[in-house]
Amino acid sequence: METNVSSGRRALRAVLCTALAAFALNSFFARDAAAQEFPTKRVTLIVPYAPGGQGDFIGRIVTQRLADRFGQPVVIEHRPSVTGNVGVVAGSRAAPDGYTVTLISNQNLVSNLVEGQSSFNMGRDLAAVSKVVEYYLVLLVKPSLPVKTVEELIALMKSKPGGVTLGSGGIGSSGHVAMGLVTQKTGVEVLHVPYKGEGPAITALLGGEVDMAFITVSAAGALVKSGKLRALAVSSPKRLPALADIPTIAEAIPGIEYVSWFGMAVPQGTPRNRVDFLSKEIAAVLQMPEVRQTLVDRTFEVVGSTPDQFQQNIQSDAEMLTKLIKQLAIKPQ
């Protein structure tokens, strides 16, 4: 009797194990089939900047590899504007199906906050997919300015309130915001001179029209090495290999750093499994040796974050920038 009971139990366990194995296998193939259902057609990447710039460069290097991985075309649609937010708004209003992705930057976040978010809010209307790269700024001064360190610059500005001029790529630009962090922390005053882009600001600095400027590392490197301009600090959390002799701003003013970034987002409401799929595919592209090297050569730091990490990053930046924009009294242009 006991033997029959034991045999029955063993048979029942075998049936249950077989059923569970079949269920797991079916679930695996169901998930795999679902993954293969996307994408089945062309994917569009909206780049809200003009062709030839940093955003366009990043968009092209990523979309080329994504197309190979998807087996579907991935095309760039340029939607440039002064603030970049025309393209971002268009991306947020696309169908929430994962087939329209938008390249965004912290500059879009600044512009969005300055405009008051009346009709569009990056945090509300876009779902973060992945931060793609980070890049940093270099604080440059004209050679005739009698300072060689950040400490000396701060002392000079304190002795001449509003007498030292800052050139930037425009009101609310990265250079303007970075200097705002310095004035917020130290209490110094500076006369801000906005230009229409980083190029004109560099020209003004080279010509002695302004005393200093925060310039992207990619643009600043050659100017520093040639001796045309003097570098005082980088805005990165740690020293950069390309400019190893240049200290960080935090070494002189603890707690100050400014990280610029590019990332990708989709309309809010896009299915989470598609958001995760896009994030993983972008991360895989960024891990390709040739892609990493190309980006590093352009002084970008490769990231490839998860959607949740990127969303938290956007939120923390928005909180910091909201306070700074209010202090600097930045208004829409």
Protein backbone atom coordinates (compact mmCIF):
# COMPACT_ATOMS: atom_id res chain seq x y z
CA MET A 1 0.00 0.00 0.00
CA GLU A 2 2.77 2.42 0.99
CA THR A 3 4.64 1.48 -2.16
CA ASN A 4 1.62 2.34 -4.31
CA VAL A 5 1.22 5.69 -2.52
CA SER A 6 4.93 6.52 -3.03
CA SER A 7 4.68 5.58 -6.69
CA GLY A 8 1.64 7.79 -7.08
CA ARG A 9 3.39 10.72 -5.48
CA ARG A 10 6.41 10.28 -7.73
CA ALA A 11 4.17 10.15 -10.78
CA LEU A 12 2.33 13.30 -9.64
CA ARG A 13 5.64 15.12 -9.10
CA ALA A 14 6.80 14.09 -12.56
CA VAL A 15 3.60 15.40 -14.13
CA LEU A 16 3.88 18.68 -12.21
CA CYS A 17 7.56 19.12 -13.17
CA THR A 18 6.75 18.43 -16.81
CA ALA A 19 3.90 20.96 -16.72
CA LEU A 20 6.05 23.63 -15.06
CA ALA A 21 8.85 23.08 -17.56
CA ALA A 22 6.42 23.37 -20.43
CA PHE A 23 4.93 26.55 -18.94
CA ALA A 24 8.41 28.12 -18.52
CA LEU A 25 9.38 27.16 -22.05
CA ASN A 26 6.18 28.57 -23.50
CA SER A 27 6.68 31.79 -21.50
CA PHE A 28 10.23 32.10 -22.81
CA PHE A 29 9.14 31.69 -26.42
CA ALA A 30 6.22 34.07 -25.85
CA ARG A 31 8.59 36.74 -24.53
CA ASP A 32 11.00 36.10 -27.39
CA ALA A 33 8.18 36.34 -29.92
CA ALA A 34 6.97 39.58 -28.34
CA ALA A 35 10.47 41.02 -28.57
CA GLN A 36 10.61 40.11 -32.26
CA GLU A 37 7.35 42.00 -32.84
CA PHE A 38 9.21 45.28 -32.29
CA PRO A 39 10.41 46.93 -34.38
CA THR A 40 8.75 45.72 -37.55
CA LYS A 41 9.03 48.99 -39.47
CA ARG A 42 11.08 52.17 -39.71
CA VAL A 43 12.15 53.89 -36.48
CA THR A 44 12.62 57.68 -36.50
CA LEU A 45 15.09 59.59 -34.34
CA ILE A 46 14.17 63.26 -34.03
CA VAL A 47 17.30 65.39 -33.67
CA PRO A 48 16.21 68.88 -32.55
CA TYR A 49 19.46 70.48 -33.71
CA ALA A 50 20.91 71.48 -37.07
CA PRO A 51 22.94 68.99 -39.14
CA GLY A 52 26.68 69.00 -38.49
CA GLY A 53 26.59 69.68 -34.75
CA GLN A 54 27.35 67.45 -31.78
CA GLY A 55 23.77 66.19 -31.51
CA ASP A 56 23.70 65.27 -35.19
CA PHE A 57 27.03 63.44 -34.85
CA ILE A 58 25.80 61.37 -31.89
CA GLY A 59 22.48 60.63 -33.58
CA ARG A 60 24.16 59.34 -36.72
CA ILE A 61 26.69 57.10 -35.00
CA VAL A 62 23.97 55.44 -32.90
CA THR A 63 21.26 55.11 -35.57
CA GLN A 64 23.62 53.43 -38.03
CA ARG A 65 24.29 50.59 -35.59
CA LEU A 66 20.69 50.35 -34.35
CA ALA A 67 19.50 49.81 -37.92
CA ASP A 68 21.87 46.87 -38.25
CA ARG A 69 20.63 45.38 -34.98
CA PHE A 70 16.93 45.98 -35.69
CA GLY A 71 17.00 44.83 -39.29
CA GLN A 72 14.85 47.90 -39.95
CA PRO A 73 15.69 51.44 -41.12
CA VAL A 74 16.45 53.98 -38.40
CA VAL A 75 16.29 57.46 -39.89
CA ILE A 76 17.13 60.92 -38.54
CA GLU A 77 14.59 63.72 -38.79
CA HIS A 78 16.09 67.16 -38.06
CA ARG A 79 13.81 69.65 -36.28
CA PRO A 80 16.21 72.51 -35.41
CA SER A 81 15.21 75.68 -33.55
CA VAL A 82 16.88 78.32 -31.39
CA THR A 83 16.18 76.48 -28.13
CA GLY A 84 15.93 72.98 -29.60
CA ASN A 85 12.54 72.51 -28.00
CA VAL A 86 10.54 72.56 -31.26
CA GLY A 87 11.90 69.11 -32.07
CA VAL A 88 11.53 67.88 -28.50
CA VAL A 89 7.88 68.94 -28.38
CA ALA A 90 7.26 67.18 -31.70
CA GLY A 91 8.85 64.03 -30.30
CA SER A 92 6.71 64.15 -27.17
CA ARG A 93 3.52 64.38 -29.27
CA ALA A 94 4.34 61.43 -31.51
CA ALA A 95 2.47 58.15 -31.17
CA PRO A 96 3.61 56.41 -27.94
CA ASP A 97 4.60 53.19 -29.67
CA GLY A 98 8.41 53.29 -29.55
CA TYR A 99 8.80 54.10 -33.25
CA THR A 100 9.67 57.76 -32.59
CA VAL A 101 12.67 58.46 -30.37
CA THR A 102 13.97 61.95 -29.58
CA LEU A 103 17.53 63.02 -28.84
CA ILE A 104 17.47 65.39 -25.86
CA SER A 105 20.08 67.31 -23.90
CA ASN A 106 20.37 69.20 -20.64
CA GLN A 107 20.17 72.36 -22.76
CA ASN A 108 16.64 71.36 -23.75
CA LEU A 109 15.87 70.99 -20.05
CA VAL A 110 17.18 74.50 -19.34
CA SER A 111 15.12 75.97 -22.20
CA ASN A 112 12.04 74.09 -21.06
CA LEU A 113 12.38 75.41 -17.51
CA VAL A 114 13.02 78.96 -18.73
CA GLU A 115 9.92 78.86 -20.92
CA GLY A 116 7.85 77.96 -17.88
CA GLN A 117 6.63 74.54 -19.05
CA SER A 118 3.26 76.07 -19.90
CA SER A 119 2.51 73.73 -22.79
CA PHE A 120 5.27 71.17 -22.46
CA ASN A 121 7.13 69.54 -19.58
CA MET A 122 10.06 67.21 -20.29
CA GLY A 123 9.49 65.19 -17.13
CA ARG A 124 5.75 64.84 -17.72
CA ASP A 125 5.60 64.42 -21.49
CA LEU A 126 8.67 62.30 -22.20
CA ALA A 127 9.78 58.91 -20.89
CA ALA A 128 13.53 58.59 -20.42
CA VAL A 129 15.21 55.78 -22.37
CA SER A 130 18.96 56.20 -21.88
CA LYS A 131 21.58 58.83 -21.22
CA VAL A 132 23.97 58.34 -24.13
CA VAL A 133 27.00 60.51 -23.35
CA GLU A 134 28.29 63.16 -20.98
CA TYR A 135 30.66 65.98 -21.81
CA TYR A 136 32.29 68.81 -19.92
CA LEU A 137 33.36 72.44 -20.11
CA VAL A 138 36.68 74.20 -19.66
CA LEU A 139 36.94 77.61 -17.98
CA LEU A 140 39.14 79.66 -20.30
CA VAL A 141 40.50 83.19 -19.83
CA LYS A 142 42.29 85.52 -22.21
CA PRO A 143 46.08 85.49 -21.74
CA SER A 144 46.18 89.14 -20.61
CA LEU A 145 43.88 88.52 -17.64
CA PRO A 146 46.21 88.49 -14.59
CA VAL A 147 45.04 85.16 -13.15
CA LYS A 148 46.35 81.60 -13.40
CA THR A 149 44.05 79.78 -11.00
CA VAL A 150 40.36 79.74 -10.09
CA GLU A 151 41.25 81.14 -6.67
CA GLU A 152 42.96 84.13 -8.29
CA LEU A 153 40.00 84.64 -10.62
CA ILE A 154 37.55 84.69 -7.71
CA ALA A 155 39.76 87.18 -5.86
CA LEU A 156 39.86 89.42 -8.96
CA MET A 157 36.08 89.31 -9.36
CA LYS A 158 35.58 90.15 -5.69
CA SER A 159 37.87 93.16 -6.06
CA LYS A 160 36.01 94.32 -9.20
CA PRO A 161 32.30 93.44 -8.79
CA GLY A 162 30.81 93.18 -12.27
CA GLY A 163 34.10 94.28 -13.80
CA VAL A 164 35.04 90.86 -15.24
CA THR A 165 33.14 89.77 -18.36
CA LEU A 166 31.89 86.30 -19.26
CA GLY A 167 31.20 85.38 -22.86
CA SER A 168 28.75 82.54 -23.52
CA GLY A 169 26.79 80.85 -26.29
CA GLY A 170 23.64 82.64 -25.16
CA ILE A 171 21.31 83.25 -22.25
CA GLY A 172 20.73 79.92 -20.50
CA SER A 173 23.55 78.21 -22.40
CA SER A 174 25.79 75.68 -20.66
CA GLY A 175 28.50 78.31 -20.19
CA HIS A 176 26.03 80.74 -18.65
CA VAL A 177 24.64 78.09 -16.30
CA ALA A 178 28.12 76.85 -15.29
CA MET A 179 29.19 80.38 -14.34
CA GLY A 180 25.91 80.76 -12.48
CA LEU A 181 26.90 77.86 -10.24
CA VAL A 182 30.19 79.64 -9.48
CA THR A 183 28.50 82.94 -8.61
CA GLN A 184 25.87 81.10 -6.56
CA LYS A 185 28.55 79.38 -4.51
CA THR A 186 31.01 82.27 -4.10
CA GLY A 187 28.82 85.36 -4.21
CA VAL A 188 30.97 87.06 -6.89
CA GLU A 189 29.46 89.25 -9.60
CA VAL A 190 30.20 88.91 -13.30
CA LEU A 191 29.06 90.81 -16.39
CA HIS A 192 27.46 88.30 -18.76
CA VAL A 193 27.86 88.91 -22.51
CA PRO A 194 25.73 86.41 -24.50
CA TYR A 195 26.53 85.52 -28.11
CA LYS A 196 24.65 83.46 -30.69
CA GLY A 197 26.46 80.19 -30.13
CA GLU A 198 29.75 78.90 -28.76
CA GLY A 199 31.69 79.77 -31.92
CA PRO A 200 31.08 83.53 -31.68
CA ALA A 201 31.85 83.42 -27.93
CA ILE A 202 35.22 81.79 -28.66
CA THR A 203 35.96 84.42 -31.31
CA ALA A 204 35.13 87.17 -28.82
CA LEU A 205 37.41 85.63 -26.20
CA LEU A 206 40.27 85.26 -28.69
CA GLY A 207 39.80 88.90 -29.68
CA GLY A 208 39.83 90.12 -26.09
CA GLU A 209 36.22 91.34 -26.18
CA VAL A 210 35.45 89.30 -23.05
CA ASP A 211 37.64 88.09 -20.22
CA MET A 212 36.55 84.47 -19.88
CA ALA A 213 34.20 81.76 -21.09
CA PHE A 214 33.19 78.19 -20.38
CA ILE A 215 33.88 76.24 -23.59
CA THR A 216 33.30 72.56 -24.42
CA VAL A 217 36.38 70.38 -24.06
CA SER A 218 36.30 69.40 -27.74
CA ALA A 219 36.55 73.06 -28.79
CA ALA A 220 38.90 74.17 -26.00
CA GLY A 221 41.64 71.54 -26.32
CA ALA A 222 43.46 72.96 -29.36
CA LEU A 223 43.14 76.54 -28.07
CA VAL A 224 44.76 75.60 -24.79
CA LYS A 225 47.56 73.54 -26.34
CA SER A 226 48.40 76.35 -28.77
CA GLY A 227 48.64 78.85 -25.92
CA LYS A 228 46.01 81.14 -27.44
CA LEU A 229 43.90 80.89 -24.30
CA ARG A 230 44.60 79.89 -20.70
CA ALA A 231 42.64 77.08 -19.04
CA LEU A 232 41.90 77.45 -15.34
CA ALA A 233 39.64 74.47 -14.65
CA VAL A 234 37.34 71.79 -16.02
CA SER A 235 33.72 71.35 -14.94
CA SER A 236 33.97 67.55 -14.62
CA PRO A 237 33.80 65.65 -11.29
CA LYS A 238 37.40 64.48 -11.80
CA ARG A 239 40.36 65.50 -13.96
CA LEU A 240 40.15 64.57 -17.61
CA PRO A 241 42.84 62.41 -19.29
CA ALA A 242 42.92 64.78 -22.29
CA LEU A 243 43.67 67.75 -19.99
CA ALA A 244 45.30 66.01 -17.06
CA ASP A 245 47.18 69.11 -15.90
CA ILE A 246 44.02 71.20 -15.61
CA PRO A 247 42.35 70.98 -12.17
CA THR A 248 38.61 70.63 -11.64
CA ILE A 249 36.60 73.60 -10.41
CA ALA A 250 35.75 71.54 -7.32
CA GLU A 251 39.42 71.52 -6.32
CA ALA A 252 39.11 75.28 -5.77
CA ILE A 253 35.40 75.53 -4.95
CA PRO A 254 34.17 72.27 -3.37
CA GLY A 255 30.75 71.09 -4.51
CA ILE A 256 30.79 72.64 -7.97
CA GLU A 257 30.63 70.55 -11.12
CA TYR A 258 28.66 70.86 -14.32
CA VAL A 259 27.94 67.87 -16.52
CA SER A 260 26.35 68.31 -19.93
CA TRP A 261 24.66 65.33 -21.58
CA PHE A 262 22.79 63.91 -24.53
CA GLY A 263 20.20 61.21 -24.12
CA MET A 264 17.21 59.59 -25.78
CA ALA A 265 13.55 59.63 -24.83
CA VAL A 266 10.15 58.52 -26.15
CA PRO A 267 6.62 59.89 -25.67
CA GLN A 268 5.13 59.28 -22.25
CA GLY A 269 2.83 56.26 -22.39
CA THR A 270 5.14 54.15 -24.55
CA PRO A 271 4.92 50.52 -23.35
CA ARG A 272 7.62 49.84 -20.77
CA ASN A 273 8.82 46.68 -22.52
CA ARG A 274 9.60 48.77 -25.61
CA VAL A 275 11.34 51.44 -23.54
CA ASP A 276 13.49 48.74 -21.94
CA PHE A 277 14.18 47.14 -25.32
CA LEU A 278 15.36 50.45 -26.80
CA SER A 279 17.50 51.18 -23.74
CA LYS A 280 19.25 47.81 -23.92
CA GLU A 281 19.85 48.13 -27.65
CA ILE A 282 21.33 51.62 -27.26
CA ALA A 283 23.57 50.36 -24.45
CA ALA A 284 24.72 47.48 -26.67
CA VAL A 285 25.63 49.91 -29.46
CA LEU A 286 27.56 52.11 -27.03
CA GLN A 287 29.58 49.08 -25.91
CA MET A 288 30.85 48.45 -29.43
CA PRO A 289 34.62 49.17 -29.38
CA GLU A 290 34.57 51.30 -32.54
CA VAL A 291 31.62 53.35 -31.29
CA ARG A 292 33.19 53.93 -27.88
CA GLN A 293 36.51 54.94 -29.41
CA THR A 294 34.87 57.34 -31.87
CA LEU A 295 32.97 59.06 -29.06
CA VAL A 296 36.00 59.17 -26.75
CA ASP A 297 38.06 60.70 -29.54
CA ARG A 298 35.45 63.50 -29.64
CA THR A 299 35.93 63.97 -25.84
CA PHE A 300 32.57 62.40 -24.91
CA GLU A 301 32.21 60.08 -21.93
CA VAL A 302 30.07 57.08 -22.91
CA VAL A 303 27.23 56.24 -20.51
CA GLY A 304 24.34 54.06 -21.69
CA SER A 305 22.15 54.24 -18.55
CA THR A 306 18.88 52.49 -17.72
CA PRO A 307 15.57 54.36 -18.13
CA ASP A 308 15.18 54.74 -14.35
CA GLN A 309 18.73 56.05 -13.91
CA PHE A 310 18.24 58.59 -16.67
CA GLN A 311 14.86 59.69 -15.30
CA GLN A 312 16.40 60.29 -11.87
CA ASN A 313 19.21 62.26 -13.52
CA ILE A 314 16.71 64.49 -15.35
CA GLN A 315 14.77 65.07 -12.14
CA SER A 316 17.84 66.03 -10.08
CA ASP A 317 19.08 68.35 -12.84
CA ALA A 318 15.64 69.98 -13.06
CA GLU A 319 15.63 70.69 -9.32
CA MET A 320 19.12 72.23 -9.44
CA LEU A 321 18.40 74.27 -12.57
CA THR A 322 15.05 75.58 -11.32
CA LYS A 323 16.77 77.26 -8.37
CA LEU A 324 19.61 78.58 -10.51
CA ILE A 325 17.35 79.97 -13.25
CA LYS A 326 15.37 81.83 -10.63
CA GLN A 327 18.53 83.26 -9.07
CA LEU A 328 19.97 84.32 -12.44
CA ALA A 329 16.57 85.73 -13.46
CA ILE A 330 16.83 84.03 -16.86
CA LYS A 331 13.87 84.94 -19.04
CA PRO A 332 12.70 83.52 -22.41
CA GLN A 333 14.52 85.13 -25.34
